[in-house]
Amino acid sequence: MSPEPVIESVGRRNPARGVHLHLGQPNWVLLTITTEDRSPWLANAQVQRLLHETWTEAQAWLVSDYLLMPDHLHCFCAPTEVNFTLEAWITYWKRLFRRRHGRPDWRFQSRGWHHRLRSDESYDQKWLYVQENPVRRSLVTRIEDWPFKGKVHEIRR
């Protein structure tokens, strides 16, 4: 199965399907997944542990840095299998996660938002912006104080 082409649309309500992958180049994707109805259950130690375990197992795409907010998560991921689409991987790890936690109220929205980092974009700048989320939302005063972030895989940038 080939990755589907990305079609840009101004003011779109849903993310474009598929990610353009470029062989021989970094293929970093910044992924954002929101909880169903923006329910604030994500930012806790149990969820963090279970997601870390899930992403360790779901290796068609590897998660590097991630951050959990109460109602959404951000993670940087990169493919290891070019024939396993981002959407198929998201569906797979959500199912694994659901089986691990067994809580009917812990549900994600059906789709996520993704942005492939272009060659002129800095991973470090994007990661800093993501880490500033809890500060912008007045959940902590310093980036270092937010406990719900980590790294699953060390991936060369």
N, C-alpha and C. Protein backbone atom coordinates (compact mmCIF):
# COMPACT_ATOMS: atom_id res chain seq x y z
N MET A 1 0.85 -1.18 0.00
CA MET A 1 0.00 0.00 0.00
C MET A 1 0.89 1.24 0.00
N SER A 2 0.73 2.13 -0.93
CA SER A 2 1.53 3.34 -1.04
C SER A 2 0.92 4.44 -0.20
N PRO A 3 1.78 5.34 0.32
CA PRO A 3 1.22 6.49 1.05
C PRO A 3 0.33 7.30 0.12
N GLU A 4 -0.75 7.80 0.67
CA GLU A 4 -1.68 8.61 -0.11
C GLU A 4 -1.11 10.01 -0.27
N PRO A 5 -1.38 10.68 -1.39
CA PRO A 5 -0.86 12.04 -1.57
C PRO A 5 -1.54 13.01 -0.62
N VAL A 6 -0.79 14.01 -0.23
CA VAL A 6 -1.33 15.06 0.63
C VAL A 6 -1.84 16.17 -0.25
N ILE A 7 -3.07 16.58 -0.04
CA ILE A 7 -3.67 17.67 -0.80
C ILE A 7 -3.92 18.80 0.18
N GLU A 8 -3.27 19.93 -0.05
CA GLU A 8 -3.42 21.08 0.83
C GLU A 8 -4.75 21.77 0.56
N SER A 9 -5.38 22.23 1.62
CA SER A 9 -6.64 22.94 1.50
C SER A 9 -6.66 24.06 2.53
N VAL A 10 -6.93 25.27 2.10
CA VAL A 10 -6.99 26.40 3.01
C VAL A 10 -8.20 26.26 3.91
N GLY A 11 -8.00 26.39 5.21
CA GLY A 11 -9.10 26.35 6.16
C GLY A 11 -9.76 25.00 6.30
N ARG A 12 -9.03 23.92 6.05
CA ARG A 12 -9.65 22.60 6.13
C ARG A 12 -10.04 22.26 7.56
N ARG A 13 -11.10 21.46 7.69
CA ARG A 13 -11.59 21.05 9.01
C ARG A 13 -10.98 19.74 9.45
N ASN A 14 -10.57 18.91 8.52
CA ASN A 14 -9.93 17.64 8.82
C ASN A 14 -8.56 17.60 8.18
N PRO A 15 -7.64 16.86 8.80
CA PRO A 15 -6.30 16.79 8.20
C PRO A 15 -6.32 16.03 6.88
N ALA A 16 -5.40 16.38 6.04
CA ALA A 16 -5.24 15.62 4.80
C ALA A 16 -4.76 14.22 5.16
N ARG A 17 -5.16 13.26 4.38
CA ARG A 17 -4.74 11.88 4.64
C ARG A 17 -3.37 11.67 3.99
N GLY A 18 -2.60 10.81 4.61
CA GLY A 18 -1.30 10.45 4.06
C GLY A 18 -0.22 11.46 4.38
N VAL A 19 1.01 11.00 4.24
CA VAL A 19 2.19 11.82 4.48
C VAL A 19 3.15 11.57 3.33
N HIS A 20 3.64 12.63 2.73
CA HIS A 20 4.67 12.48 1.69
C HIS A 20 5.96 12.03 2.36
N LEU A 21 6.45 10.87 1.98
CA LEU A 21 7.72 10.37 2.51
C LEU A 21 8.78 10.55 1.43
N HIS A 22 9.97 10.91 1.86
CA HIS A 22 11.07 11.14 0.94
C HIS A 22 12.21 10.20 1.34
N LEU A 23 12.49 9.22 0.49
CA LEU A 23 13.54 8.27 0.78
C LEU A 23 14.89 8.99 0.83
N GLY A 24 15.70 8.59 1.80
CA GLY A 24 17.02 9.18 1.95
C GLY A 24 17.03 10.50 2.69
N GLN A 25 15.88 10.93 3.20
CA GLN A 25 15.77 12.18 3.95
C GLN A 25 15.03 11.91 5.26
N PRO A 26 15.22 12.77 6.27
CA PRO A 26 14.42 12.62 7.48
C PRO A 26 12.94 12.79 7.16
N ASN A 27 12.10 11.98 7.75
CA ASN A 27 10.65 12.05 7.54
C ASN A 27 9.95 12.24 8.88
N TRP A 28 10.29 13.31 9.57
CA TRP A 28 9.68 13.59 10.85
C TRP A 28 8.27 14.12 10.68
N VAL A 29 7.36 13.62 11.50
CA VAL A 29 5.99 14.10 11.50
C VAL A 29 5.65 14.53 12.92
N LEU A 30 5.11 15.73 13.05
CA LEU A 30 4.58 16.20 14.33
C LEU A 30 3.10 15.85 14.33
N LEU A 31 2.73 14.98 15.23
CA LEU A 31 1.37 14.46 15.30
C LEU A 31 0.65 15.02 16.53
N THR A 32 -0.59 15.43 16.34
CA THR A 32 -1.44 15.88 17.45
C THR A 32 -2.70 15.04 17.44
N ILE A 33 -3.01 14.45 18.59
CA ILE A 33 -4.22 13.65 18.75
C ILE A 33 -5.00 14.22 19.92
N THR A 34 -6.28 14.42 19.72
CA THR A 34 -7.15 15.02 20.74
C THR A 34 -8.05 13.95 21.35
N THR A 35 -8.38 14.13 22.62
CA THR A 35 -9.31 13.22 23.27
C THR A 35 -10.73 13.49 22.77
N GLU A 36 -11.56 12.47 22.86
CA GLU A 36 -12.95 12.62 22.46
C GLU A 36 -13.62 13.67 23.34
N ASP A 37 -14.31 14.61 22.72
CA ASP A 37 -15.02 15.70 23.40
C ASP A 37 -14.10 16.55 24.27
N ARG A 38 -12.79 16.51 23.95
CA ARG A 38 -11.79 17.29 24.71
C ARG A 38 -11.81 16.94 26.21
N SER A 39 -12.14 15.71 26.50
CA SER A 39 -12.16 15.24 27.89
C SER A 39 -10.73 15.26 28.45
N PRO A 40 -10.52 15.83 29.64
CA PRO A 40 -9.17 16.03 30.17
C PRO A 40 -8.61 14.85 30.99
N TRP A 41 -8.38 13.72 30.33
CA TRP A 41 -7.89 12.54 31.06
C TRP A 41 -6.44 12.17 30.73
N LEU A 42 -5.82 12.82 29.79
CA LEU A 42 -4.52 12.39 29.29
C LEU A 42 -3.33 12.67 30.21
N ALA A 43 -3.32 13.78 30.87
CA ALA A 43 -2.14 14.19 31.64
C ALA A 43 -2.13 13.52 33.01
N ASN A 44 -1.77 12.25 33.02
CA ASN A 44 -1.57 11.56 34.30
C ASN A 44 -0.54 10.45 34.11
N ALA A 45 0.04 10.02 35.20
CA ALA A 45 1.17 9.08 35.15
C ALA A 45 0.77 7.73 34.57
N GLN A 46 -0.42 7.24 34.85
CA GLN A 46 -0.84 5.94 34.32
C GLN A 46 -0.96 5.99 32.80
N VAL A 47 -1.60 7.02 32.29
CA VAL A 47 -1.74 7.17 30.83
C VAL A 47 -0.35 7.29 30.20
N GLN A 48 0.51 8.08 30.80
CA GLN A 48 1.85 8.25 30.26
C GLN A 48 2.59 6.91 30.19
N ARG A 49 2.51 6.13 31.23
CA ARG A 49 3.18 4.82 31.25
C ARG A 49 2.60 3.90 30.18
N LEU A 50 1.27 3.85 30.08
CA LEU A 50 0.62 2.98 29.09
C LEU A 50 0.91 3.41 27.65
N LEU A 51 0.90 4.71 27.39
CA LEU A 51 1.22 5.18 26.04
C LEU A 51 2.68 4.87 25.70
N HIS A 52 3.56 5.08 26.66
CA HIS A 52 4.98 4.77 26.43
C HIS A 52 5.15 3.29 26.08
N GLU A 53 4.50 2.41 26.83
CA GLU A 53 4.55 0.97 26.54
C GLU A 53 3.96 0.67 25.16
N THR A 54 2.85 1.29 24.85
CA THR A 54 2.18 1.07 23.56
C THR A 54 3.07 1.51 22.41
N TRP A 55 3.64 2.69 22.51
CA TRP A 55 4.50 3.19 21.43
C TRP A 55 5.79 2.40 21.32
N THR A 56 6.23 1.80 22.41
CA THR A 56 7.42 0.94 22.35
C THR A 56 7.11 -0.30 21.51
N GLU A 57 5.89 -0.79 21.61
CA GLU A 57 5.48 -1.99 20.87
C GLU A 57 5.07 -1.70 19.42
N ALA A 58 4.43 -0.58 19.18
CA ALA A 58 3.89 -0.24 17.86
C ALA A 58 4.98 0.41 17.02
N GLN A 59 5.84 -0.38 16.40
CA GLN A 59 7.06 0.14 15.81
C GLN A 59 7.04 0.35 14.30
N ALA A 60 5.89 0.36 13.67
CA ALA A 60 5.85 0.70 12.24
C ALA A 60 6.23 2.17 12.06
N TRP A 61 5.93 2.97 13.05
CA TRP A 61 6.40 4.35 13.16
C TRP A 61 7.00 4.45 14.57
N LEU A 62 8.11 5.13 14.70
CA LEU A 62 8.75 5.27 16.00
C LEU A 62 8.45 6.65 16.57
N VAL A 63 8.08 6.68 17.85
CA VAL A 63 7.84 7.93 18.56
C VAL A 63 9.13 8.35 19.23
N SER A 64 9.49 9.58 19.03
CA SER A 64 10.65 10.15 19.71
C SER A 64 10.11 10.96 20.89
N ASP A 65 10.19 12.27 20.83
CA ASP A 65 9.70 13.13 21.91
C ASP A 65 8.19 13.23 21.87
N TYR A 66 7.58 13.28 23.06
CA TYR A 66 6.13 13.44 23.15
C TYR A 66 5.79 14.28 24.37
N LEU A 67 4.60 14.86 24.35
CA LEU A 67 4.09 15.65 25.46
C LEU A 67 2.59 15.42 25.55
N LEU A 68 2.13 15.16 26.77
CA LEU A 68 0.70 14.96 27.01
C LEU A 68 0.11 16.19 27.69
N MET A 69 -0.92 16.73 27.10
CA MET A 69 -1.71 17.79 27.71
C MET A 69 -2.97 17.11 28.26
N PRO A 70 -3.77 17.81 29.06
CA PRO A 70 -4.97 17.15 29.59
C PRO A 70 -5.90 16.60 28.51
N ASP A 71 -6.05 17.30 27.37
CA ASP A 71 -7.02 16.89 26.36
C ASP A 71 -6.42 16.59 24.98
N HIS A 72 -5.11 16.60 24.86
CA HIS A 72 -4.48 16.24 23.59
C HIS A 72 -3.02 15.87 23.82
N LEU A 73 -2.44 15.24 22.82
CA LEU A 73 -1.02 14.90 22.90
C LEU A 73 -0.33 15.34 21.63
N HIS A 74 0.96 15.57 21.77
CA HIS A 74 1.84 15.86 20.64
C HIS A 74 2.96 14.85 20.67
N CYS A 75 3.33 14.34 19.50
CA CYS A 75 4.50 13.49 19.44
C CYS A 75 5.16 13.63 18.09
N PHE A 76 6.47 13.46 18.10
CA PHE A 76 7.23 13.41 16.87
C PHE A 76 7.41 11.94 16.53
N CYS A 77 7.11 11.58 15.30
CA CYS A 77 7.24 10.19 14.90
C CYS A 77 7.86 10.13 13.50
N ALA A 78 8.43 8.97 13.21
CA ALA A 78 9.06 8.74 11.92
C ALA A 78 8.80 7.29 11.52
N PRO A 79 8.59 7.05 10.22
CA PRO A 79 8.25 5.69 9.78
C PRO A 79 9.46 4.76 9.76
N THR A 80 9.19 3.50 10.06
CA THR A 80 10.19 2.45 9.86
C THR A 80 9.76 1.55 8.71
N GLU A 81 8.47 1.57 8.40
CA GLU A 81 7.91 0.77 7.30
C GLU A 81 7.16 1.71 6.37
N VAL A 82 7.69 1.93 5.19
CA VAL A 82 7.08 2.90 4.27
C VAL A 82 5.71 2.46 3.77
N ASN A 83 5.38 1.19 3.88
CA ASN A 83 4.07 0.71 3.42
C ASN A 83 3.01 0.73 4.52
N PHE A 84 3.37 1.14 5.72
CA PHE A 84 2.43 1.23 6.83
C PHE A 84 2.10 2.71 6.99
N THR A 85 0.92 3.13 6.56
CA THR A 85 0.56 4.55 6.57
C THR A 85 0.47 5.07 8.00
N LEU A 86 0.60 6.37 8.11
CA LEU A 86 0.46 7.02 9.41
C LEU A 86 -0.91 6.72 10.00
N GLU A 87 -1.96 6.79 9.18
CA GLU A 87 -3.32 6.54 9.68
C GLU A 87 -3.48 5.11 10.20
N ALA A 88 -2.91 4.14 9.49
CA ALA A 88 -2.99 2.74 9.94
C ALA A 88 -2.24 2.56 11.26
N TRP A 89 -1.10 3.21 11.38
CA TRP A 89 -0.33 3.12 12.63
C TRP A 89 -1.09 3.75 13.79
N ILE A 90 -1.71 4.91 13.58
CA ILE A 90 -2.48 5.57 14.64
C ILE A 90 -3.61 4.65 15.09
N THR A 91 -4.34 4.07 14.14
CA THR A 91 -5.42 3.14 14.47
C THR A 91 -4.88 1.96 15.29
N TYR A 92 -3.73 1.44 14.88
CA TYR A 92 -3.13 0.29 15.57
C TYR A 92 -2.77 0.63 17.01
N TRP A 93 -2.04 1.73 17.24
CA TRP A 93 -1.62 2.00 18.62
C TRP A 93 -2.79 2.44 19.50
N LYS A 94 -3.79 3.10 18.92
CA LYS A 94 -4.97 3.44 19.73
C LYS A 94 -5.66 2.18 20.22
N ARG A 95 -5.76 1.16 19.36
CA ARG A 95 -6.38 -0.11 19.74
C ARG A 95 -5.56 -0.80 20.84
N LEU A 96 -4.24 -0.83 20.69
CA LEU A 96 -3.38 -1.42 21.73
C LEU A 96 -3.56 -0.69 23.06
N PHE A 97 -3.55 0.62 22.99
CA PHE A 97 -3.71 1.43 24.20
C PHE A 97 -5.05 1.15 24.87
N ARG A 98 -6.12 1.10 24.10
CA ARG A 98 -7.47 0.85 24.64
C ARG A 98 -7.52 -0.50 25.35
N ARG A 99 -6.88 -1.52 24.76
CA ARG A 99 -6.84 -2.84 25.40
C ARG A 99 -6.06 -2.82 26.70
N ARG A 100 -5.03 -2.00 26.76
CA ARG A 100 -4.23 -1.92 27.98
C ARG A 100 -4.97 -1.25 29.13
N HIS A 101 -5.67 -0.15 28.85
CA HIS A 101 -6.28 0.61 29.95
C HIS A 101 -7.67 0.12 30.32
N GLY A 102 -8.47 -0.34 29.39
CA GLY A 102 -9.79 -0.87 29.70
C GLY A 102 -10.79 0.14 30.24
N ARG A 103 -10.56 1.41 30.05
CA ARG A 103 -11.45 2.45 30.56
C ARG A 103 -12.32 2.98 29.42
N PRO A 104 -13.63 2.79 29.46
CA PRO A 104 -14.48 3.24 28.35
C PRO A 104 -14.50 4.76 28.19
N ASP A 105 -14.17 5.51 29.23
CA ASP A 105 -14.19 6.97 29.14
C ASP A 105 -12.88 7.55 28.58
N TRP A 106 -11.86 6.74 28.40
CA TRP A 106 -10.60 7.20 27.82
C TRP A 106 -10.61 6.92 26.33
N ARG A 107 -11.11 7.87 25.56
CA ARG A 107 -11.22 7.69 24.12
C ARG A 107 -10.63 8.90 23.40
N PHE A 108 -10.06 8.62 22.24
CA PHE A 108 -9.51 9.66 21.38
C PHE A 108 -10.50 9.99 20.28
N GLN A 109 -10.37 11.19 19.71
CA GLN A 109 -11.12 11.49 18.49
C GLN A 109 -10.62 10.56 17.40
N SER A 110 -11.43 10.37 16.39
CA SER A 110 -11.11 9.37 15.38
C SER A 110 -9.88 9.71 14.56
N ARG A 111 -9.62 10.97 14.33
CA ARG A 111 -8.49 11.36 13.48
C ARG A 111 -7.53 12.25 14.25
N GLY A 112 -6.34 12.33 13.75
CA GLY A 112 -5.34 13.22 14.32
C GLY A 112 -4.91 14.25 13.31
N TRP A 113 -4.11 15.19 13.74
CA TRP A 113 -3.54 16.20 12.86
C TRP A 113 -2.05 15.91 12.75
N HIS A 114 -1.51 16.04 11.56
CA HIS A 114 -0.09 15.80 11.40
C HIS A 114 0.51 16.87 10.50
N HIS A 115 1.80 17.06 10.74
CA HIS A 115 2.56 18.03 9.95
C HIS A 115 3.94 17.43 9.72
N ARG A 116 4.27 17.16 8.47
CA ARG A 116 5.61 16.66 8.16
C ARG A 116 6.57 17.84 8.18
N LEU A 117 7.64 17.72 8.95
CA LEU A 117 8.62 18.79 9.01
C LEU A 117 9.35 18.89 7.68
N ARG A 118 9.31 20.06 7.10
CA ARG A 118 10.03 20.31 5.86
C ARG A 118 11.51 20.48 6.17
N SER A 119 12.33 20.40 5.15
CA SER A 119 13.78 20.46 5.35
C SER A 119 14.24 21.75 6.02
N ASP A 120 13.49 22.84 5.85
CA ASP A 120 13.91 24.11 6.45
C ASP A 120 13.33 24.31 7.86
N GLU A 121 12.57 23.36 8.34
CA GLU A 121 12.00 23.48 9.68
C GLU A 121 12.89 22.77 10.69
N SER A 122 12.98 23.35 11.85
CA SER A 122 13.83 22.81 12.90
C SER A 122 13.03 21.96 13.87
N TYR A 123 13.45 20.71 14.02
CA TYR A 123 12.84 19.81 15.01
C TYR A 123 12.93 20.46 16.39
N ASP A 124 14.10 20.99 16.73
CA ASP A 124 14.30 21.57 18.06
C ASP A 124 13.36 22.75 18.32
N GLN A 125 13.16 23.60 17.31
CA GLN A 125 12.24 24.72 17.48
C GLN A 125 10.80 24.24 17.66
N LYS A 126 10.40 23.23 16.89
CA LYS A 126 9.04 22.68 17.03
C LYS A 126 8.87 22.03 18.41
N TRP A 127 9.88 21.31 18.86
CA TRP A 127 9.81 20.65 20.17
C TRP A 127 9.72 21.69 21.28
N LEU A 128 10.46 22.78 21.18
CA LEU A 128 10.36 23.85 22.17
C LEU A 128 8.95 24.43 22.19
N TYR A 129 8.39 24.67 21.01
CA TYR A 129 7.02 25.20 20.92
C TYR A 129 6.03 24.24 21.60
N VAL A 130 6.17 22.94 21.35
CA VAL A 130 5.29 21.94 21.97
C VAL A 130 5.45 21.98 23.48
N GLN A 131 6.69 22.04 23.97
CA GLN A 131 6.93 22.05 25.41
C GLN A 131 6.40 23.30 26.10
N GLU A 132 6.20 24.37 25.35
CA GLU A 132 5.66 25.60 25.93
C GLU A 132 4.14 25.53 26.12
N ASN A 133 3.48 24.51 25.57
CA ASN A 133 2.02 24.38 25.72
C ASN A 133 1.55 24.47 27.17
N PRO A 134 2.10 23.69 28.10
CA PRO A 134 1.62 23.78 29.49
C PRO A 134 1.85 25.15 30.11
N VAL A 135 2.89 25.85 29.70
CA VAL A 135 3.15 27.20 30.20
C VAL A 135 2.10 28.16 29.65
N ARG A 136 1.84 28.07 28.34
CA ARG A 136 0.81 28.93 27.73
C ARG A 136 -0.57 28.71 28.35
N ARG A 137 -0.85 27.48 28.75
CA ARG A 137 -2.16 27.18 29.36
C ARG A 137 -2.14 27.39 30.88
N SER A 138 -1.06 27.95 31.41
CA SER A 138 -0.91 28.25 32.85
C SER A 138 -1.02 27.02 33.74
N LEU A 139 -0.56 25.87 33.22
CA LEU A 139 -0.54 24.64 34.01
C LEU A 139 0.73 24.55 34.84
N VAL A 140 1.80 25.16 34.34
CA VAL A 140 3.08 25.29 35.05
C VAL A 140 3.68 26.64 34.67
N THR A 141 4.69 27.05 35.42
CA THR A 141 5.34 28.32 35.09
C THR A 141 6.61 28.12 34.28
N ARG A 142 7.18 26.91 34.35
CA ARG A 142 8.41 26.62 33.60
C ARG A 142 8.25 25.31 32.85
N ILE A 143 8.83 25.22 31.67
CA ILE A 143 8.78 24.01 30.85
C ILE A 143 9.23 22.79 31.65
N GLU A 144 10.30 22.95 32.42
CA GLU A 144 10.88 21.85 33.17
C GLU A 144 9.93 21.25 34.20
N ASP A 145 8.91 22.01 34.61
CA ASP A 145 7.99 21.55 35.66
C ASP A 145 6.89 20.63 35.15
N TRP A 146 6.71 20.51 33.83
CA TRP A 146 5.64 19.67 33.29
C TRP A 146 6.11 18.21 33.26
N PRO A 147 5.45 17.33 34.04
CA PRO A 147 5.94 15.96 34.16
C PRO A 147 5.50 15.01 33.04
N PHE A 148 4.54 15.40 32.23
CA PHE A 148 3.93 14.47 31.27
C PHE A 148 4.53 14.61 29.87
N LYS A 149 5.82 14.37 29.80
CA LYS A 149 6.53 14.40 28.53
C LYS A 149 7.66 13.39 28.63
N GLY A 150 8.16 13.00 27.48
CA GLY A 150 9.25 12.03 27.49
C GLY A 150 9.71 11.72 26.09
N LYS A 151 10.46 10.63 26.01
CA LYS A 151 11.00 10.15 24.73
C LYS A 151 10.89 8.64 24.76
N VAL A 152 10.37 8.07 23.68
CA VAL A 152 10.26 6.61 23.59
C VAL A 152 11.49 6.04 22.89
N HIS A 153 11.80 6.55 21.73
CA HIS A 153 12.94 6.06 20.94
C HIS A 153 13.91 7.21 20.68
N GLU A 154 15.17 6.90 20.74
CA GLU A 154 16.20 7.87 20.34
C GLU A 154 16.39 7.71 18.84
N ILE A 155 15.96 8.70 18.09
CA ILE A 155 16.03 8.63 16.64
C ILE A 155 16.94 9.76 16.16
N ARG A 156 17.89 9.42 15.33
CA ARG A 156 18.83 10.42 14.83
C ARG A 156 18.10 11.49 14.04
N ARG A 157 18.41 12.73 14.34
CA ARG A 157 17.78 13.87 13.63
C ARG A 157 18.71 14.43 12.61
